[in-house]
């Protein structure tokens, strides 16, 4: 019995320290990303729409839209990361610099599987603007089958 308890305690300590190490690693990466972003000249952007409404869709349906991002500043726009507020919302962005005056599409897929009713999700774009994280929303009214 004591051997089982020791094994359990050892495994618990191992998991605790490995999780802590992973969290520290993520924090370090975030801090490095912010430091790197601070060195890049800032620019300004605008989206062609702040919110996209898919209207009424069936539960389980996967829908797509494109939101255009325009660089309205004086420096190149660099998109470092793009993600949705949950795994059901997946944006795809260019990794190339967007020159002043130019636009680029952000393609967004939304998977309504497991969702019902009125749903609003946020798409966040990490880039070299003053705010560092810019966002727009998508929404849908999901009817169950």
C-alpha atoms as a PDB file:
ATOM      1  CA  UNK A   1       0.000   0.000   0.000  1.00  0.00           C
ATOM      2  CA  UNK A   2       2.820   2.413   0.868  1.00  0.00           C
ATOM      3  CA  UNK A   3       4.454   1.621  -2.461  1.00  0.00           C
ATOM      4  CA  UNK A   4       1.258   2.578  -4.322  1.00  0.00           C
ATOM      5  CA  UNK A   5       1.023   5.846  -2.387  1.00  0.00           C
ATOM      6  CA  UNK A   6       4.670   6.671  -3.173  1.00  0.00           C
ATOM      7  CA  UNK A   7       4.117   5.948  -6.868  1.00  0.00           C
ATOM      8  CA  UNK A   8       0.997   8.137  -6.856  1.00  0.00           C
ATOM      9  CA  UNK A   9       2.813  11.007  -5.107  1.00  0.00           C
ATOM     10  CA  UNK A  10       5.780  10.693  -7.468  1.00  0.00           C
ATOM     11  CA  UNK A  11       3.540  10.728 -10.536  1.00  0.00           C
ATOM     12  CA  UNK A  12       1.623  13.735  -9.176  1.00  0.00           C
ATOM     13  CA  UNK A  13       4.827  15.689  -8.583  1.00  0.00           C
ATOM     14  CA  UNK A  14       6.119  14.799 -12.029  1.00  0.00           C
ATOM     15  CA  UNK A  15       2.896  15.980 -13.694  1.00  0.00           C
ATOM     16  CA  UNK A  16       2.837  19.166 -11.608  1.00  0.00           C
ATOM     17  CA  UNK A  17       6.360  20.167 -12.572  1.00  0.00           C
ATOM     18  CA  UNK A  18       5.978  19.209 -16.232  1.00  0.00           C
ATOM     19  CA  UNK A  19       2.746  21.256 -16.526  1.00  0.00           C
ATOM     20  CA  UNK A  20       4.414  24.194 -14.790  1.00  0.00           C
ATOM     21  CA  UNK A  21       7.367  23.944 -17.156  1.00  0.00           C
ATOM     22  CA  UNK A  22       5.006  23.953 -20.166  1.00  0.00           C
ATOM     23  CA  UNK A  23       3.133  27.006 -18.808  1.00  0.00           C
ATOM     24  CA  UNK A  24       6.432  28.829 -18.249  1.00  0.00           C
ATOM     25  CA  UNK A  25       7.461  27.966 -21.798  1.00  0.00           C
ATOM     26  CA  UNK A  26       4.222  29.432 -23.189  1.00  0.00           C
ATOM     27  CA  UNK A  27       4.697  32.579 -21.091  1.00  0.00           C
ATOM     28  CA  UNK A  28       8.273  32.909 -22.342  1.00  0.00           C
ATOM     29  CA  UNK A  29       7.117  32.541 -25.950  1.00  0.00           C
ATOM     30  CA  UNK A  30       4.418  35.181 -25.453  1.00  0.00           C
ATOM     31  CA  UNK A  31       6.907  37.576 -23.857  1.00  0.00           C
ATOM     32  CA  UNK A  32       9.383  37.021 -26.697  1.00  0.00           C
ATOM     33  CA  UNK A  33       6.660  37.618 -29.267  1.00  0.00           C
ATOM     34  CA  UNK A  34       5.737  40.908 -27.581  1.00  0.00           C
ATOM     35  CA  UNK A  35       9.386  41.973 -27.468  1.00  0.00           C
ATOM     36  CA  UNK A  36       9.853  41.148 -31.144  1.00  0.00           C
ATOM     37  CA  UNK A  37       6.614  42.955 -32.019  1.00  0.00           C
ATOM     38  CA  UNK A  38       7.814  46.046 -30.130  1.00  0.00           C
ATOM     39  CA  UNK A  39      10.790  46.353 -32.517  1.00  0.00           C
ATOM     40  CA  UNK A  40       8.648  46.412 -35.676  1.00  0.00           C
ATOM     41  CA  UNK A  41       7.330  49.794 -36.918  1.00  0.00           C
ATOM     42  CA  UNK A  42       3.607  50.243 -36.240  1.00  0.00           C
ATOM     43  CA  UNK A  43       0.909  50.632 -38.855  1.00  0.00           C
ATOM     44  CA  UNK A  44      -2.882  51.016 -38.965  1.00  0.00           C
ATOM     45  CA  UNK A  45      -5.518  48.685 -40.368  1.00  0.00           C
ATOM     46  CA  UNK A  46      -9.189  48.505 -41.162  1.00  0.00           C
ATOM     47  CA  UNK A  47     -11.459  45.549 -41.847  1.00  0.00           C
ATOM     48  CA  UNK A  48     -14.046  45.737 -44.633  1.00  0.00           C
ATOM     49  CA  UNK A  49     -16.578  44.592 -42.010  1.00  0.00           C
ATOM     50  CA  UNK A  50     -16.433  44.496 -38.216  1.00  0.00           C
ATOM     51  CA  UNK A  51     -18.994  41.689 -37.987  1.00  0.00           C
ATOM     52  CA  UNK A  52     -20.131  39.029 -40.429  1.00  0.00           C
ATOM     53  CA  UNK A  53     -23.593  37.523 -39.945  1.00  0.00           C
ATOM     54  CA  UNK A  54     -24.058  34.070 -41.483  1.00  0.00           C
ATOM     55  CA  UNK A  55     -27.776  34.334 -40.732  1.00  0.00           C
ATOM     56  CA  UNK A  56     -29.659  31.123 -40.004  1.00  0.00           C
ATOM     57  CA  UNK A  57     -27.700  27.901 -40.530  1.00  0.00           C
ATOM     58  CA  UNK A  58     -28.280  24.241 -39.670  1.00  0.00           C
ATOM     59  CA  UNK A  59     -26.497  22.697 -36.717  1.00  0.00           C
ATOM     60  CA  UNK A  60     -23.434  20.809 -37.958  1.00  0.00           C
ATOM     61  CA  UNK A  61     -23.040  22.997 -41.039  1.00  0.00           C
ATOM     62  CA  UNK A  62     -19.588  24.398 -41.810  1.00  0.00           C
ATOM     63  CA  UNK A  63     -19.758  27.900 -43.281  1.00  0.00           C
ATOM     64  CA  UNK A  64     -17.057  30.188 -44.641  1.00  0.00           C
ATOM     65  CA  UNK A  65     -16.576  33.890 -45.193  1.00  0.00           C
ATOM     66  CA  UNK A  66     -13.817  36.261 -46.188  1.00  0.00           C
ATOM     67  CA  UNK A  67     -13.051  39.491 -44.364  1.00  0.00           C
ATOM     68  CA  UNK A  68     -10.533  41.808 -45.997  1.00  0.00           C
ATOM     69  CA  UNK A  69      -7.876  43.563 -43.951  1.00  0.00           C
ATOM     70  CA  UNK A  70      -6.429  46.784 -45.382  1.00  0.00           C
ATOM     71  CA  UNK A  71      -3.182  48.416 -44.361  1.00  0.00           C
ATOM     72  CA  UNK A  72      -4.048  52.111 -44.031  1.00  0.00           C
ATOM     73  CA  UNK A  73      -0.784  53.048 -42.305  1.00  0.00           C
ATOM     74  CA  UNK A  74       2.654  54.047 -43.552  1.00  0.00           C
ATOM     75  CA  UNK A  75       4.559  50.824 -42.746  1.00  0.00           C
ATOM     76  CA  UNK A  76       4.234  47.208 -43.849  1.00  0.00           C
ATOM     77  CA  UNK A  77       1.645  45.144 -41.973  1.00  0.00           C
ATOM     78  CA  UNK A  78       2.871  41.838 -40.553  1.00  0.00           C
ATOM     79  CA  UNK A  79       0.322  39.342 -39.261  1.00  0.00           C
ATOM     80  CA  UNK A  80       2.001  37.199 -36.624  1.00  0.00           C
ATOM     81  CA  UNK A  81      -0.982  35.090 -35.563  1.00  0.00           C
ATOM     82  CA  UNK A  82      -4.693  34.638 -36.189  1.00  0.00           C
ATOM     83  CA  UNK A  83      -7.074  32.552 -34.128  1.00  0.00           C
ATOM     84  CA  UNK A  84     -10.711  32.255 -33.172  1.00  0.00           C
ATOM     85  CA  UNK A  85     -12.199  32.517 -29.702  1.00  0.00           C
ATOM     86  CA  UNK A  86     -12.772  28.747 -29.825  1.00  0.00           C
ATOM     87  CA  UNK A  87     -11.703  25.803 -31.948  1.00  0.00           C
ATOM     88  CA  UNK A  88     -14.871  26.006 -34.047  1.00  0.00           C
ATOM     89  CA  UNK A  89     -13.640  29.235 -35.662  1.00  0.00           C
ATOM     90  CA  UNK A  90     -10.535  28.919 -37.845  1.00  0.00           C
ATOM     91  CA  UNK A  91      -9.041  31.910 -39.700  1.00  0.00           C
ATOM     92  CA  UNK A  92      -6.419  31.643 -42.446  1.00  0.00           C
ATOM     93  CA  UNK A  93      -4.194  34.648 -43.167  1.00  0.00           C
ATOM     94  CA  UNK A  94      -1.249  35.524 -45.355  1.00  0.00           C
ATOM     95  CA  UNK A  95       2.247  35.276 -43.924  1.00  0.00           C
ATOM     96  CA  UNK A  96       3.499  37.860 -46.438  1.00  0.00           C
ATOM     97  CA  UNK A  97       3.870  41.549 -45.580  1.00  0.00           C
ATOM     98  CA  UNK A  98       0.898  43.695 -46.591  1.00  0.00           C
ATOM     99  CA  UNK A  99       2.198  46.960 -48.010  1.00  0.00           C
ATOM    100  CA  UNK A 100       0.638  50.353 -47.220  1.00  0.00           C
ATOM    101  CA  UNK A 101      -2.573  50.823 -49.208  1.00  0.00           C
ATOM    102  CA  UNK A 102      -2.899  47.106 -49.979  1.00  0.00           C
ATOM    103  CA  UNK A 103      -5.443  44.569 -48.725  1.00  0.00           C
ATOM    104  CA  UNK A 104      -5.403  40.840 -48.031  1.00  0.00           C
ATOM    105  CA  UNK A 105      -8.178  38.326 -47.361  1.00  0.00           C
ATOM    106  CA  UNK A 106      -8.773  36.588 -44.054  1.00  0.00           C
ATOM    107  CA  UNK A 107     -10.674  33.382 -44.779  1.00  0.00           C
ATOM    108  CA  UNK A 108     -12.713  32.152 -41.821  1.00  0.00           C
ATOM    109  CA  UNK A 109     -14.363  28.753 -41.400  1.00  0.00           C
ATOM    110  CA  UNK A 110     -16.993  28.259 -38.698  1.00  0.00           C
ATOM    111  CA  UNK A 111     -18.107  24.763 -37.659  1.00  0.00           C
ATOM    112  CA  UNK A 112     -21.551  24.868 -36.026  1.00  0.00           C
ATOM    113  CA  UNK A 113     -21.386  21.264 -34.813  1.00  0.00           C
ATOM    114  CA  UNK A 114     -22.602  21.109 -31.200  1.00  0.00           C
ATOM    115  CA  UNK A 115     -23.789  24.734 -31.185  1.00  0.00           C
ATOM    116  CA  UNK A 116     -27.388  25.981 -30.916  1.00  0.00           C
ATOM    117  CA  UNK A 117     -29.154  29.321 -30.935  1.00  0.00           C
ATOM    118  CA  UNK A 118     -27.469  32.685 -31.351  1.00  0.00           C
ATOM    119  CA  UNK A 119     -23.686  32.351 -31.463  1.00  0.00           C
ATOM    120  CA  UNK A 120     -21.053  35.083 -31.731  1.00  0.00           C
ATOM    121  CA  UNK A 121     -17.337  34.334 -32.074  1.00  0.00           C
ATOM    122  CA  UNK A 122     -14.326  36.635 -32.182  1.00  0.00           C
ATOM    123  CA  UNK A 123     -11.436  36.370 -34.632  1.00  0.00           C
ATOM    124  CA  UNK A 124      -8.239  37.872 -33.217  1.00  0.00           C
ATOM    125  CA  UNK A 125      -5.332  39.028 -35.374  1.00  0.00           C
ATOM    126  CA  UNK A 126      -1.931  39.653 -33.757  1.00  0.00           C
ATOM    127  CA  UNK A 127      -0.055  42.206 -35.838  1.00  0.00           C
ATOM    128  CA  UNK A 128       2.156  45.289 -35.715  1.00  0.00           C
ATOM    129  CA  UNK A 129      -0.515  47.870 -34.858  1.00  0.00           C
ATOM    130  CA  UNK A 130      -0.678  50.038 -31.729  1.00  0.00           C
ATOM    131  CA  UNK A 131      -3.202  47.654 -30.141  1.00  0.00           C
ATOM    132  CA  UNK A 132      -1.130  44.598 -31.231  1.00  0.00           C
ATOM    133  CA  UNK A 133      -4.318  42.490 -31.308  1.00  0.00           C
ATOM    134  CA  UNK A 134      -7.119  43.525 -33.657  1.00  0.00           C
ATOM    135  CA  UNK A 135     -10.433  41.698 -33.908  1.00  0.00           C
ATOM    136  CA  UNK A 136     -13.697  41.246 -35.737  1.00  0.00           C
ATOM    137  CA  UNK A 137     -16.715  39.043 -35.054  1.00  0.00           C
ATOM    138  CA  UNK A 138     -18.769  36.419 -36.817  1.00  0.00           C
ATOM    139  CA  UNK A 139     -22.235  35.371 -35.765  1.00  0.00           C
ATOM    140  CA  UNK A 140     -24.927  32.903 -36.715  1.00  0.00           C
ATOM    141  CA  UNK A 141     -28.342  31.703 -35.660  1.00  0.00           C
ATOM    142  CA  UNK A 142     -28.063  27.923 -35.467  1.00  0.00           C
ATOM    143  CA  UNK A 143     -31.169  25.775 -35.704  1.00  0.00           C
ATOM    144  CA  UNK A 144     -31.086  22.221 -34.420  1.00  0.00           C
ATOM    145  CA  UNK A 145     -31.874  19.373 -36.770  1.00  0.00           C
END
